[in-house]
Amino acid sequence: MTHTRDATVVILQPGYLPWIGFFDQLQRADVFVYYDDAQYDKHGWRNRNRIKTQNGPLWLTVPVRHSKEGFPRILDVEIDRRTPWARKHVSSVQQAYARAPFLRRYLPELEALLQREWTHLVDLDIACVDLMATWLGVRRRIERSSRLGIGGERSERLVNICGHFSASKYVRGDAAQTYLDVALFERHGIVVEWQRYAHPTYPQLHGEFVPYLSAVDLLFNCGDEAPLIAFPGIR
């Protein structure tokens, strides 16, 4: 395998229909690594996100089977297929964005993807990101941490993954400033760059602007303008 010299690496847990900032990190990366063998967080963004309705933000949640082990890895989490969650999500999206100018452009592909026979949450999440990234015009090298065979604890493992891809820069979300061992990265010659994403405002349905929704909100409302709005610094 050949690695990019002086690469910028991003390591993120997969999420369901992620917000714009997720795709901002994706477009900054030379190598984007899904941290898919991290511990699953039951109340995080792995299996849910929000859209905007006339009654305010609405959660779209993919039901999952809770492991008896208590602390499953993300890649081991199975979708609970006893409820028609996909049909409900499509119906909610269709209703919320009925007047959005680009709903008809994107919804058929999204509906077809969601209605597939998914068994594991990680595969659904990655497929959703891949589709949305295509709509946003973002194409990057994608890897999964579970397939790299790289060990280490906490920051050490992140450094080891970055080293595997000859990284000179590691882009990280701002929330990690409280616990990331930046000095460890520096000792390995890797610069930590904090994302500091400035959330854009854009034309949005249903009243006052609401940030931090799924990026489908931006896409349904803005279409071809969505990449220009999401990534203003690269145009």
C-alpha atoms as a PDB file:
ATOM      1  CA  MET A   1       0.000   0.000   0.000  1.00  0.00           C
ATOM      2  CA  THR A   2       1.282   3.443  -0.865  1.00  0.00           C
ATOM      3  CA  HIS A   3       0.696   6.314   1.530  1.00  0.00           C
ATOM      4  CA  THR A   4       0.380  10.015   0.862  1.00  0.00           C
ATOM      5  CA  ARG A   5       3.464  11.907   2.052  1.00  0.00           C
ATOM      6  CA  ASP A   6       2.738  14.698   4.508  1.00  0.00           C
ATOM      7  CA  ALA A   7      -0.903  13.700   4.536  1.00  0.00           C
ATOM      8  CA  THR A   8      -3.704  15.366   6.454  1.00  0.00           C
ATOM      9  CA  VAL A   9      -5.576  12.679   8.356  1.00  0.00           C
ATOM     10  CA  VAL A  10      -9.028  12.829   9.931  1.00  0.00           C
ATOM     11  CA  ILE A  11     -10.277  10.073  12.258  1.00  0.00           C
ATOM     12  CA  LEU A  12     -13.997  10.232  13.035  1.00  0.00           C
ATOM     13  CA  GLN A  13     -16.666   7.891  14.336  1.00  0.00           C
ATOM     14  CA  PRO A  14     -19.345   7.206  11.723  1.00  0.00           C
ATOM     15  CA  GLY A  15     -22.701   8.948  12.155  1.00  0.00           C
ATOM     16  CA  TYR A  16     -26.186   8.799  10.704  1.00  0.00           C
ATOM     17  CA  LEU A  17     -26.937  11.518   8.111  1.00  0.00           C
ATOM     18  CA  PRO A  18     -24.282  13.795   9.677  1.00  0.00           C
ATOM     19  CA  TRP A  19     -24.208  17.570  10.024  1.00  0.00           C
ATOM     20  CA  ILE A  20     -22.267  19.896   7.719  1.00  0.00           C
ATOM     21  CA  GLY A  21     -19.208  19.988   9.997  1.00  0.00           C
ATOM     22  CA  PHE A  22     -18.654  16.259   9.467  1.00  0.00           C
ATOM     23  CA  PHE A  23     -18.290  16.865   5.740  1.00  0.00           C
ATOM     24  CA  ASP A  24     -16.034  19.845   6.395  1.00  0.00           C
ATOM     25  CA  GLN A  25     -13.602  17.470   8.103  1.00  0.00           C
ATOM     26  CA  LEU A  26     -13.986  14.969   5.265  1.00  0.00           C
ATOM     27  CA  GLN A  27     -13.086  17.555   2.616  1.00  0.00           C
ATOM     28  CA  ARG A  28     -10.018  18.672   4.620  1.00  0.00           C
ATOM     29  CA  ALA A  29      -8.591  15.147   4.697  1.00  0.00           C
ATOM     30  CA  ASP A  30      -6.228  13.341   2.382  1.00  0.00           C
ATOM     31  CA  VAL A  31      -7.066  10.176   4.298  1.00  0.00           C
ATOM     32  CA  PHE A  32     -10.344   9.896   6.209  1.00  0.00           C
ATOM     33  CA  VAL A  33     -10.503   7.061   8.744  1.00  0.00           C
ATOM     34  CA  TYR A  34     -13.773   5.844  10.207  1.00  0.00           C
ATOM     35  CA  TYR A  35     -13.102   5.053  13.871  1.00  0.00           C
ATOM     36  CA  ASP A  36     -15.529   2.167  13.642  1.00  0.00           C
ATOM     37  CA  ASP A  37     -14.137  -0.008  16.432  1.00  0.00           C
ATOM     38  CA  ALA A  38     -14.531   2.662  19.108  1.00  0.00           C
ATOM     39  CA  GLN A  39     -17.083   2.008  21.839  1.00  0.00           C
ATOM     40  CA  TYR A  40     -20.658   2.715  20.801  1.00  0.00           C
ATOM     41  CA  ASP A  41     -22.273   5.639  22.621  1.00  0.00           C
ATOM     42  CA  LYS A  42     -25.995   5.071  23.106  1.00  0.00           C
ATOM     43  CA  HIS A  43     -26.979   8.722  23.202  1.00  0.00           C
ATOM     44  CA  GLY A  44     -24.638  10.097  20.548  1.00  0.00           C
ATOM     45  CA  TRP A  45     -24.869  10.638  16.811  1.00  0.00           C
ATOM     46  CA  ARG A  46     -24.144   7.095  15.603  1.00  0.00           C
ATOM     47  CA  ASN A  47     -27.815   6.214  15.026  1.00  0.00           C
ATOM     48  CA  ARG A  48     -29.636   9.542  14.902  1.00  0.00           C
ATOM     49  CA  ASN A  49     -29.751  13.082  13.603  1.00  0.00           C
ATOM     50  CA  ARG A  50     -32.195  15.951  13.249  1.00  0.00           C
ATOM     51  CA  ILE A  51     -34.165  17.516  10.437  1.00  0.00           C
ATOM     52  CA  LYS A  52     -36.274  20.696  10.584  1.00  0.00           C
ATOM     53  CA  THR A  53     -40.062  20.557  10.504  1.00  0.00           C
ATOM     54  CA  GLN A  54     -42.751  23.208  10.874  1.00  0.00           C
ATOM     55  CA  ASN A  55     -42.870  22.206  14.550  1.00  0.00           C
ATOM     56  CA  GLY A  56     -39.119  22.549  15.035  1.00  0.00           C
ATOM     57  CA  PRO A  57     -36.241  20.040  14.934  1.00  0.00           C
ATOM     58  CA  LEU A  58     -37.226  16.370  14.716  1.00  0.00           C
ATOM     59  CA  TRP A  59     -34.986  13.423  15.612  1.00  0.00           C
ATOM     60  CA  LEU A  60     -34.636  10.620  13.063  1.00  0.00           C
ATOM     61  CA  THR A  61     -33.441   7.639  15.093  1.00  0.00           C
ATOM     62  CA  VAL A  62     -32.408   4.244  13.738  1.00  0.00           C
ATOM     63  CA  PRO A  63     -33.483   1.614  16.308  1.00  0.00           C
ATOM     64  CA  VAL A  64     -30.667  -0.686  17.406  1.00  0.00           C
ATOM     65  CA  ARG A  65     -30.456  -3.917  19.339  1.00  0.00           C
ATOM     66  CA  HIS A  66     -28.812  -3.371  22.700  1.00  0.00           C
ATOM     67  CA  SER A  67     -25.977  -5.787  23.282  1.00  0.00           C
ATOM     68  CA  LYS A  68     -25.935  -7.865  26.476  1.00  0.00           C
ATOM     69  CA  GLU A  69     -22.218  -7.128  26.678  1.00  0.00           C
ATOM     70  CA  GLY A  70     -22.973  -3.538  27.598  1.00  0.00           C
ATOM     71  CA  PHE A  71     -20.067  -1.919  25.733  1.00  0.00           C
ATOM     72  CA  PRO A  72     -20.208  -2.968  22.072  1.00  0.00           C
ATOM     73  CA  ARG A  73     -17.994  -1.536  19.379  1.00  0.00           C
ATOM     74  CA  ILE A  74     -19.714   0.623  16.775  1.00  0.00           C
ATOM     75  CA  LEU A  75     -19.134  -1.962  14.062  1.00  0.00           C
ATOM     76  CA  ASP A  76     -20.902  -4.660  16.130  1.00  0.00           C
ATOM     77  CA  VAL A  77     -24.142  -2.726  16.660  1.00  0.00           C
ATOM     78  CA  GLU A  78     -27.076  -4.306  14.846  1.00  0.00           C
ATOM     79  CA  ILE A  79     -30.145  -2.475  13.571  1.00  0.00           C
ATOM     80  CA  ASP A  80     -33.457  -3.524  15.090  1.00  0.00           C
ATOM     81  CA  ARG A  81     -35.388  -4.529  11.991  1.00  0.00           C
ATOM     82  CA  ARG A  82     -38.677  -5.218  13.772  1.00  0.00           C
ATOM     83  CA  THR A  83     -39.932  -1.686  13.068  1.00  0.00           C
ATOM     84  CA  PRO A  84     -40.296   0.057   9.670  1.00  0.00           C
ATOM     85  CA  TRP A  85     -37.858   2.817  10.670  1.00  0.00           C
ATOM     86  CA  ALA A  86     -36.691   3.537   7.112  1.00  0.00           C
ATOM     87  CA  ARG A  87     -40.205   4.111   5.842  1.00  0.00           C
ATOM     88  CA  LYS A  88     -40.888   6.437   8.785  1.00  0.00           C
ATOM     89  CA  HIS A  89     -37.698   8.417   8.134  1.00  0.00           C
ATOM     90  CA  VAL A  90     -38.511   8.847   4.453  1.00  0.00           C
ATOM     91  CA  SER A  91     -42.052   9.914   5.294  1.00  0.00           C
ATOM     92  CA  SER A  92     -40.788  12.445   7.868  1.00  0.00           C
ATOM     93  CA  VAL A  93     -38.287  13.880   5.393  1.00  0.00           C
ATOM     94  CA  GLN A  94     -40.892  14.069   2.640  1.00  0.00           C
ATOM     95  CA  GLN A  95     -43.328  15.903   4.897  1.00  0.00           C
ATOM     96  CA  ALA A  96     -40.749  18.277   6.417  1.00  0.00           C
ATOM     97  CA  TYR A  97     -39.225  19.278   3.068  1.00  0.00           C
ATOM     98  CA  ALA A  98     -42.307  19.117   0.832  1.00  0.00           C
ATOM     99  CA  ARG A  99     -41.703  22.729  -0.193  1.00  0.00           C
ATOM    100  CA  ALA A 100     -37.919  22.531  -0.363  1.00  0.00           C
ATOM    101  CA  PRO A 101     -36.683  23.327  -3.894  1.00  0.00           C
ATOM    102  CA  PHE A 102     -34.360  20.314  -4.207  1.00  0.00           C
ATOM    103  CA  LEU A 103     -36.259  17.555  -2.402  1.00  0.00           C
ATOM    104  CA  ARG A 104     -37.160  15.759  -5.637  1.00  0.00           C
ATOM    105  CA  ARG A 105     -33.536  15.765  -6.767  1.00  0.00           C
ATOM    106  CA  TYR A 106     -32.178  13.948  -3.730  1.00  0.00           C
ATOM    107  CA  LEU A 107     -34.993  12.051  -2.036  1.00  0.00           C
ATOM    108  CA  PRO A 108     -35.308   9.139  -4.511  1.00  0.00           C
ATOM    109  CA  GLU A 109     -31.662   8.139  -4.013  1.00  0.00           C
ATOM    110  CA  LEU A 110     -31.882   8.583  -0.251  1.00  0.00           C
ATOM    111  CA  GLU A 111     -35.070   6.557  -0.075  1.00  0.00           C
ATOM    112  CA  ALA A 112     -33.566   3.730  -2.119  1.00  0.00           C
ATOM    113  CA  LEU A 113     -30.530   3.660   0.167  1.00  0.00           C
ATOM    114  CA  LEU A 114     -32.480   3.675   3.426  1.00  0.00           C
ATOM    115  CA  GLN A 115     -34.861   0.949   2.221  1.00  0.00           C
ATOM    116  CA  ARG A 116     -32.073  -1.553   1.628  1.00  0.00           C
ATOM    117  CA  GLU A 117     -31.902  -4.540   3.984  1.00  0.00           C
ATOM    118  CA  TRP A 118     -29.384  -3.179   6.464  1.00  0.00           C
ATOM    119  CA  THR A 119     -28.254  -5.372   9.342  1.00  0.00           C
ATOM    120  CA  HIS A 120     -25.412  -3.334  10.898  1.00  0.00           C
ATOM    121  CA  LEU A 121     -25.530   0.344  11.771  1.00  0.00           C
ATOM    122  CA  VAL A 122     -21.965   1.070  10.628  1.00  0.00           C
ATOM    123  CA  ASP A 123     -22.706  -0.014   7.059  1.00  0.00           C
ATOM    124  CA  LEU A 124     -25.799   2.181   6.901  1.00  0.00           C
ATOM    125  CA  ASP A 125     -23.900   5.165   8.318  1.00  0.00           C
ATOM    126  CA  ILE A 126     -20.999   4.844   5.894  1.00  0.00           C
ATOM    127  CA  ALA A 127     -23.334   4.430   2.917  1.00  0.00           C
ATOM    128  CA  CYS A 128     -25.277   7.563   3.928  1.00  0.00           C
ATOM    129  CA  VAL A 129     -22.078   9.580   4.228  1.00  0.00           C
ATOM    130  CA  ASP A 130     -20.850   8.300   0.870  1.00  0.00           C
ATOM    131  CA  LEU A 131     -24.079   9.347  -0.838  1.00  0.00           C
ATOM    132  CA  MET A 132     -24.194  12.773   0.810  1.00  0.00           C
ATOM    133  CA  ALA A 133     -20.489  13.360   0.089  1.00  0.00           C
ATOM    134  CA  THR A 134     -21.183  12.624  -3.586  1.00  0.00           C
ATOM    135  CA  TRP A 135     -23.947  15.217  -3.567  1.00  0.00           C
ATOM    136  CA  LEU A 136     -21.525  17.704  -1.971  1.00  0.00           C
ATOM    137  CA  GLY A 137     -18.793  16.911  -4.501  1.00  0.00           C
ATOM    138  CA  VAL A 138     -16.367  15.508  -1.903  1.00  0.00           C
ATOM    139  CA  ARG A 139     -14.246  12.467  -2.783  1.00  0.00           C
ATOM    140  CA  ARG A 140     -11.499  11.304  -0.424  1.00  0.00           C
ATOM    141  CA  ARG A 141      -9.560   8.173   0.406  1.00  0.00           C
ATOM    142  CA  ILE A 142     -11.592   6.253   3.012  1.00  0.00           C
ATOM    143  CA  GLU A 143     -10.304   3.692   5.495  1.00  0.00           C
ATOM    144  CA  ARG A 144     -11.738   1.901   8.540  1.00  0.00           C
ATOM    145  CA  SER A 145      -9.750   1.641  11.772  1.00  0.00           C
ATOM    146  CA  SER A 146     -11.016  -1.907  12.373  1.00  0.00           C
ATOM    147  CA  ARG A 147      -9.228  -3.077   9.226  1.00  0.00           C
ATOM    148  CA  LEU A 148      -5.856  -1.459   9.880  1.00  0.00           C
ATOM    149  CA  GLY A 149      -4.583  -3.728  12.661  1.00  0.00           C
ATOM    150  CA  ILE A 150      -3.196  -0.757  14.594  1.00  0.00           C
ATOM    151  CA  GLY A 151      -3.203  -0.837  18.396  1.00  0.00           C
ATOM    152  CA  GLY A 152      -2.687   1.633  21.221  1.00  0.00           C
ATOM    153  CA  GLU A 153      -4.736   3.370  23.878  1.00  0.00           C
ATOM    154  CA  ARG A 154      -6.626   6.637  23.371  1.00  0.00           C
ATOM    155  CA  SER A 155      -4.395   9.357  21.878  1.00  0.00           C
ATOM    156  CA  GLU A 156      -1.599   6.834  21.321  1.00  0.00           C
ATOM    157  CA  ARG A 157      -3.721   4.852  18.893  1.00  0.00           C
ATOM    158  CA  LEU A 158      -4.730   8.000  17.008  1.00  0.00           C
ATOM    159  CA  VAL A 159      -1.045   8.916  16.685  1.00  0.00           C
ATOM    160  CA  ASN A 160      -0.268   5.403  15.455  1.00  0.00           C
ATOM    161  CA  ILE A 161      -3.000   5.606  12.810  1.00  0.00           C
ATOM    162  CA  CYS A 162      -1.715   8.999  11.674  1.00  0.00           C
ATOM    163  CA  GLY A 163       1.816   7.595  11.496  1.00  0.00           C
ATOM    164  CA  HIS A 164       0.618   4.676   9.402  1.00  0.00           C
ATOM    165  CA  PHE A 165      -0.471   7.157   6.727  1.00  0.00           C
ATOM    166  CA  SER A 166       2.632   9.375   7.047  1.00  0.00           C
ATOM    167  CA  ALA A 167       0.520  12.220   8.388  1.00  0.00           C
ATOM    168  CA  SER A 168       1.968  15.635   9.071  1.00  0.00           C
ATOM    169  CA  LYS A 169      -1.408  17.047  10.156  1.00  0.00           C
ATOM    170  CA  TYR A 170      -4.330  15.713  12.162  1.00  0.00           C
ATOM    171  CA  VAL A 171      -7.606  17.658  11.962  1.00  0.00           C
ATOM    172  CA  ARG A 172      -9.844  17.310  14.995  1.00  0.00           C
ATOM    173  CA  GLY A 173     -13.160  18.695  16.197  1.00  0.00           C
ATOM    174  CA  ASP A 174     -12.962  21.371  18.864  1.00  0.00           C
ATOM    175  CA  ALA A 175     -14.592  19.271  21.602  1.00  0.00           C
ATOM    176  CA  ALA A 176     -11.465  17.092  21.816  1.00  0.00           C
ATOM    177  CA  GLN A 177      -9.384  19.990  23.175  1.00  0.00           C
ATOM    178  CA  THR A 178     -10.251  18.884  26.706  1.00  0.00           C
ATOM    179  CA  TYR A 179      -8.724  15.426  26.437  1.00  0.00           C
ATOM    180  CA  LEU A 180      -6.506  15.008  23.363  1.00  0.00           C
ATOM    181  CA  ASP A 181      -2.793  14.596  24.160  1.00  0.00           C
ATOM    182  CA  VAL A 182      -1.526  17.225  21.735  1.00  0.00           C
ATOM    183  CA  ALA A 183       2.042  16.963  23.036  1.00  0.00           C
ATOM    184  CA  LEU A 184       2.130  13.294  22.020  1.00  0.00           C
ATOM    185  CA  PHE A 185       1.244  14.240  18.451  1.00  0.00           C
ATOM    186  CA  GLU A 186       3.893  16.961  18.450  1.00  0.00           C
ATOM    187  CA  ARG A 187       6.556  14.488  19.610  1.00  0.00           C
ATOM    188  CA  HIS A 188       5.747  12.423  16.532  1.00  0.00           C
ATOM    189  CA  GLY A 189       5.968  15.426  14.207  1.00  0.00           C
ATOM    190  CA  ILE A 190       2.219  15.715  13.685  1.00  0.00           C
ATOM    191  CA  VAL A 191       0.490  19.088  13.900  1.00  0.00           C
ATOM    192  CA  VAL A 192      -2.985  19.046  15.484  1.00  0.00           C
ATOM    193  CA  GLU A 193      -5.308  21.448  13.679  1.00  0.00           C
ATOM    194  CA  TRP A 194      -8.583  22.267  15.407  1.00  0.00           C
ATOM    195  CA  GLN A 195     -11.545  22.377  13.072  1.00  0.00           C
ATOM    196  CA  ARG A 196     -13.106  25.647  14.335  1.00  0.00           C
ATOM    197  CA  TYR A 197     -15.955  25.299  11.877  1.00  0.00           C
ATOM    198  CA  ALA A 198     -18.047  28.435  11.460  1.00  0.00           C
ATOM    199  CA  HIS A 199     -21.572  27.169  10.857  1.00  0.00           C
ATOM    200  CA  PRO A 200     -23.057  28.980   7.837  1.00  0.00           C
ATOM    201  CA  THR A 201     -26.581  30.289   7.574  1.00  0.00           C
ATOM    202  CA  TYR A 202     -28.565  29.585   4.437  1.00  0.00           C
ATOM    203  CA  PRO A 203     -32.165  29.735   3.156  1.00  0.00           C
ATOM    204  CA  GLN A 204     -34.160  27.341   5.311  1.00  0.00           C
ATOM    205  CA  LEU A 205     -37.833  26.446   5.647  1.00  0.00           C
ATOM    206  CA  HIS A 206     -40.027  26.826   8.729  1.00  0.00           C
ATOM    207  CA  GLY A 207     -39.037  30.108  10.304  1.00  0.00           C
ATOM    208  CA  GLU A 208     -35.968  31.107  12.283  1.00  0.00           C
ATOM    209  CA  PHE A 209     -32.680  29.476  11.250  1.00  0.00           C
ATOM    210  CA  VAL A 210     -31.698  26.346  13.177  1.00  0.00           C
ATOM    211  CA  PRO A 211     -28.028  25.194  12.982  1.00  0.00           C
ATOM    212  CA  TYR A 212     -26.481  21.762  13.550  1.00  0.00           C
ATOM    213  CA  LEU A 213     -29.058  19.757  11.638  1.00  0.00           C
ATOM    214  CA  SER A 214     -28.329  16.885   9.289  1.00  0.00           C
ATOM    215  CA  ALA A 215     -26.649  18.154   6.125  1.00  0.00           C
ATOM    216  CA  VAL A 216     -29.680  16.940   4.161  1.00  0.00           C
ATOM    217  CA  ASP A 217     -31.322  20.175   5.336  1.00  0.00           C
ATOM    218  CA  LEU A 218     -28.707  22.203   3.464  1.00  0.00           C
ATOM    219  CA  LEU A 219     -28.916  19.973   0.395  1.00  0.00           C
ATOM    220  CA  PHE A 220     -32.711  19.957   0.117  1.00  0.00           C
ATOM    221  CA  ASN A 221     -32.823  23.729   0.503  1.00  0.00           C
ATOM    222  CA  CYS A 222     -29.801  24.793  -1.564  1.00  0.00           C
ATOM    223  CA  GLY A 223     -28.926  22.110  -4.118  1.00  0.00           C
ATOM    224  CA  ASP A 224     -25.883  23.021  -6.219  1.00  0.00           C
ATOM    225  CA  GLU A 225     -25.079  25.914  -3.892  1.00  0.00           C
ATOM    226  CA  ALA A 226     -24.653  23.558  -0.919  1.00  0.00           C
ATOM    227  CA  PRO A 227     -20.879  22.959  -1.367  1.00  0.00           C
ATOM    228  CA  LEU A 228     -20.247  26.690  -1.750  1.00  0.00           C
ATOM    229  CA  ILE A 229     -22.111  27.300   1.493  1.00  0.00           C
ATOM    230  CA  ALA A 230     -20.633  24.379   3.422  1.00  0.00           C
ATOM    231  CA  PHE A 231     -17.006  24.902   2.350  1.00  0.00           C
ATOM    232  CA  PRO A 232     -16.579  28.620   1.587  1.00  0.00           C
ATOM    233  CA  GLY A 233     -12.840  28.569   2.180  1.00  0.00           C
ATOM    234  CA  ILE A 234     -12.007  26.193  -0.679  1.00  0.00           C
ATOM    235  CA  ARG A 235     -13.681  28.032  -3.547  1.00  0.00           C
END
